[in-house]
């Protein structure tokens, strides 16, 4: 969970900086399907909305998450 918090903080401009593995390296052996990625992204968006995160911040987070899809989904 700590990695996700740091990732989202960095995606929104800080102040916390993510210094873990690259996204590709962290997910390369997990065999994540496109369907699973999309389901988790949808849940993330719903959780952010349910917790009253501003819509602009949600959009920014989801854009960053979407841009990482090719590094997360297994080929």
N, C-alpha and C. Protein backbone atom coordinates (compact mmCIF):
# COMPACT_ATOMS: atom_id res chain seq x y z
N UNK A 1 0.82 -1.19 0.00
CA UNK A 1 0.00 0.00 0.00
C UNK A 1 0.87 1.26 0.00
N UNK A 2 1.97 1.21 0.70
CA UNK A 2 2.86 2.36 0.78
C UNK A 2 3.33 2.80 -0.60
N UNK A 3 3.63 1.83 -1.47
CA UNK A 3 4.08 2.17 -2.82
C UNK A 3 2.99 2.90 -3.61
N UNK A 4 1.74 2.46 -3.44
CA UNK A 4 0.64 3.11 -4.16
C UNK A 4 0.45 4.55 -3.70
N UNK A 5 0.55 4.78 -2.40
CA UNK A 5 0.41 6.14 -1.87
C UNK A 5 1.51 7.04 -2.42
N UNK A 6 2.74 6.54 -2.41
CA UNK A 6 3.85 7.33 -2.93
C UNK A 6 3.69 7.58 -4.42
N UNK A 7 3.25 6.56 -5.16
CA UNK A 7 3.04 6.71 -6.60
C UNK A 7 2.01 7.79 -6.89
N UNK A 8 0.87 7.73 -6.21
CA UNK A 8 -0.19 8.71 -6.46
C UNK A 8 0.27 10.10 -6.03
N UNK A 9 0.98 10.20 -4.92
CA UNK A 9 1.50 11.50 -4.50
C UNK A 9 2.42 12.09 -5.56
N UNK A 10 3.33 11.27 -6.08
CA UNK A 10 4.24 11.77 -7.11
C UNK A 10 3.47 12.14 -8.37
N UNK A 11 2.46 11.35 -8.73
CA UNK A 11 1.66 11.64 -9.92
C UNK A 11 0.97 12.99 -9.82
N UNK A 12 0.67 13.40 -8.59
CA UNK A 12 0.01 14.69 -8.38
C UNK A 12 0.99 15.82 -8.06
N UNK A 13 2.28 15.54 -8.18
CA UNK A 13 3.26 16.60 -8.00
C UNK A 13 3.91 16.64 -6.63
N UNK A 14 3.77 15.59 -5.85
CA UNK A 14 4.49 15.52 -4.57
C UNK A 14 3.63 15.86 -3.39
N UNK A 15 4.20 15.94 -2.23
CA UNK A 15 5.61 16.07 -1.93
C UNK A 15 6.35 14.73 -1.80
N UNK A 16 5.64 13.62 -1.73
CA UNK A 16 6.28 12.31 -1.57
C UNK A 16 6.80 11.84 -2.92
N UNK A 17 7.99 11.25 -2.90
CA UNK A 17 8.59 10.77 -4.15
C UNK A 17 8.67 9.26 -4.12
N UNK A 18 8.22 8.60 -5.20
CA UNK A 18 8.31 7.15 -5.33
C UNK A 18 9.71 6.79 -5.79
N UNK A 19 10.37 5.90 -5.06
CA UNK A 19 11.73 5.52 -5.41
C UNK A 19 11.90 4.01 -5.55
N UNK A 20 10.81 3.29 -5.72
CA UNK A 20 10.88 1.84 -5.85
C UNK A 20 11.29 1.41 -7.24
N UNK A 21 11.02 0.14 -7.53
CA UNK A 21 11.32 -0.41 -8.85
C UNK A 21 10.57 0.36 -9.93
N UNK A 22 11.04 0.21 -11.16
CA UNK A 22 10.26 0.77 -12.25
C UNK A 22 8.93 0.01 -12.31
N UNK A 23 7.94 0.65 -12.88
CA UNK A 23 6.62 0.01 -13.00
C UNK A 23 6.74 -1.29 -13.79
N UNK A 24 7.49 -1.26 -14.87
CA UNK A 24 7.67 -2.45 -15.70
C UNK A 24 8.30 -3.59 -14.90
N UNK A 25 9.38 -3.30 -14.17
CA UNK A 25 10.05 -4.33 -13.38
C UNK A 25 9.17 -4.86 -12.25
N UNK A 26 8.42 -3.99 -11.62
CA UNK A 26 7.58 -4.40 -10.50
C UNK A 26 6.45 -5.33 -10.93
N UNK A 27 6.04 -5.24 -12.20
CA UNK A 27 4.88 -6.02 -12.67
C UNK A 27 5.22 -7.11 -13.68
N UNK A 28 6.49 -7.23 -14.07
CA UNK A 28 6.85 -8.10 -15.19
C UNK A 28 6.53 -9.57 -14.97
N UNK A 29 6.55 -10.07 -13.76
CA UNK A 29 6.28 -11.49 -13.51
C UNK A 29 4.88 -11.75 -12.96
N UNK A 30 4.02 -10.76 -12.98
CA UNK A 30 2.70 -10.89 -12.36
C UNK A 30 1.60 -11.38 -13.32
N UNK A 31 1.89 -11.42 -14.61
CA UNK A 31 0.93 -11.93 -15.61
C UNK A 31 -0.43 -11.23 -15.50
N UNK A 32 -0.40 -9.91 -15.53
CA UNK A 32 -1.62 -9.11 -15.41
C UNK A 32 -2.24 -8.95 -16.79
N UNK A 33 -3.50 -9.32 -16.89
CA UNK A 33 -4.22 -9.22 -18.17
C UNK A 33 -4.76 -7.80 -18.35
N UNK A 34 -5.12 -7.48 -19.58
CA UNK A 34 -5.71 -6.18 -19.86
C UNK A 34 -7.04 -6.03 -19.10
N UNK A 35 -7.81 -7.11 -19.06
CA UNK A 35 -9.09 -7.08 -18.34
C UNK A 35 -8.87 -6.79 -16.86
N UNK A 36 -7.89 -7.45 -16.25
CA UNK A 36 -7.60 -7.22 -14.82
C UNK A 36 -7.14 -5.79 -14.59
N UNK A 37 -6.27 -5.28 -15.48
CA UNK A 37 -5.80 -3.90 -15.36
C UNK A 37 -6.99 -2.94 -15.39
N UNK A 38 -7.88 -3.13 -16.37
CA UNK A 38 -9.04 -2.25 -16.51
C UNK A 38 -9.95 -2.31 -15.29
N UNK A 39 -10.12 -3.50 -14.72
CA UNK A 39 -10.97 -3.64 -13.54
C UNK A 39 -10.37 -2.91 -12.34
N UNK A 40 -9.07 -3.05 -12.15
CA UNK A 40 -8.41 -2.37 -11.03
C UNK A 40 -8.45 -0.85 -11.22
N UNK A 41 -8.24 -0.41 -12.45
CA UNK A 41 -8.31 1.03 -12.73
C UNK A 41 -9.70 1.58 -12.43
N UNK A 42 -10.72 0.82 -12.79
CA UNK A 42 -12.10 1.24 -12.52
C UNK A 42 -12.35 1.33 -11.01
N UNK A 43 -11.87 0.32 -10.27
CA UNK A 43 -12.04 0.33 -8.81
C UNK A 43 -11.29 1.52 -8.20
N UNK A 44 -10.07 1.77 -8.66
CA UNK A 44 -9.30 2.91 -8.17
C UNK A 44 -10.08 4.20 -8.38
N UNK A 45 -10.61 4.39 -9.56
CA UNK A 45 -11.37 5.61 -9.86
C UNK A 45 -12.59 5.73 -8.94
N UNK A 46 -13.29 4.63 -8.71
CA UNK A 46 -14.46 4.64 -7.82
C UNK A 46 -14.06 4.97 -6.38
N UNK A 47 -12.96 4.39 -5.91
CA UNK A 47 -12.50 4.64 -4.54
C UNK A 47 -12.11 6.11 -4.37
N UNK A 48 -11.42 6.65 -5.35
CA UNK A 48 -11.04 8.06 -5.28
C UNK A 48 -12.29 8.94 -5.23
N UNK A 49 -13.26 8.63 -6.06
CA UNK A 49 -14.51 9.40 -6.09
C UNK A 49 -15.27 9.26 -4.77
N UNK A 50 -15.36 8.02 -4.27
CA UNK A 50 -16.07 7.78 -3.01
C UNK A 50 -15.44 8.50 -1.83
N UNK A 51 -14.14 8.81 -1.96
CA UNK A 51 -13.43 9.50 -0.88
C UNK A 51 -13.26 10.99 -1.15
N UNK A 52 -14.12 11.50 -2.04
CA UNK A 52 -14.22 12.93 -2.31
C UNK A 52 -12.93 13.57 -2.83
N UNK A 53 -12.14 12.78 -3.56
CA UNK A 53 -10.99 13.36 -4.24
C UNK A 53 -11.53 14.23 -5.37
N UNK A 54 -10.95 15.38 -5.56
CA UNK A 54 -11.43 16.32 -6.58
C UNK A 54 -11.35 15.69 -7.97
N UNK A 55 -12.33 15.99 -8.79
CA UNK A 55 -12.43 15.36 -10.12
C UNK A 55 -11.19 15.64 -10.97
N UNK A 56 -10.60 16.81 -10.84
CA UNK A 56 -9.38 17.13 -11.59
C UNK A 56 -8.22 16.24 -11.18
N UNK A 57 -8.14 15.97 -9.87
CA UNK A 57 -7.09 15.07 -9.37
C UNK A 57 -7.34 13.64 -9.83
N UNK A 58 -8.60 13.22 -9.81
CA UNK A 58 -8.94 11.88 -10.29
C UNK A 58 -8.54 11.74 -11.75
N UNK A 59 -8.88 12.72 -12.55
CA UNK A 59 -8.51 12.67 -13.97
C UNK A 59 -7.01 12.58 -14.16
N UNK A 60 -6.27 13.36 -13.39
CA UNK A 60 -4.81 13.33 -13.49
C UNK A 60 -4.25 11.96 -13.10
N UNK A 61 -4.75 11.40 -12.01
CA UNK A 61 -4.31 10.07 -11.58
C UNK A 61 -4.64 9.03 -12.63
N UNK A 62 -5.85 9.07 -13.15
CA UNK A 62 -6.27 8.07 -14.12
C UNK A 62 -5.49 8.20 -15.43
N UNK A 63 -5.13 9.41 -15.80
CA UNK A 63 -4.28 9.60 -16.98
C UNK A 63 -2.91 8.97 -16.78
N UNK A 64 -2.35 9.16 -15.59
CA UNK A 64 -1.05 8.57 -15.30
C UNK A 64 -1.16 7.04 -15.29
N UNK A 65 -2.18 6.52 -14.62
CA UNK A 65 -2.38 5.07 -14.57
C UNK A 65 -2.55 4.52 -15.99
N UNK A 66 -3.37 5.17 -16.79
CA UNK A 66 -3.59 4.71 -18.16
C UNK A 66 -2.32 4.72 -18.99
N UNK A 67 -1.46 5.71 -18.74
CA UNK A 67 -0.22 5.80 -19.51
C UNK A 67 0.76 4.68 -19.17
N UNK A 68 0.52 3.99 -18.06
CA UNK A 68 1.40 2.90 -17.62
C UNK A 68 0.89 1.52 -18.01
N UNK A 69 -0.24 1.48 -18.67
CA UNK A 69 -0.87 0.21 -19.02
C UNK A 69 0.06 -0.74 -19.76
N UNK A 70 0.78 -0.24 -20.74
CA UNK A 70 1.67 -1.09 -21.53
C UNK A 70 2.83 -1.66 -20.70
N UNK A 71 3.19 -0.96 -19.62
CA UNK A 71 4.27 -1.44 -18.75
C UNK A 71 3.76 -2.44 -17.71
N UNK A 72 2.46 -2.48 -17.48
CA UNK A 72 1.88 -3.32 -16.45
C UNK A 72 1.27 -4.60 -17.01
N UNK A 73 0.59 -4.48 -18.13
CA UNK A 73 -0.10 -5.64 -18.73
C UNK A 73 0.92 -6.56 -19.39
N UNK A 74 0.76 -7.86 -19.11
CA UNK A 74 1.65 -8.86 -19.71
C UNK A 74 1.32 -9.02 -21.19
N UNK A 75 2.38 -9.24 -21.96
CA UNK A 75 2.21 -9.43 -23.41
C UNK A 75 1.97 -10.89 -23.71
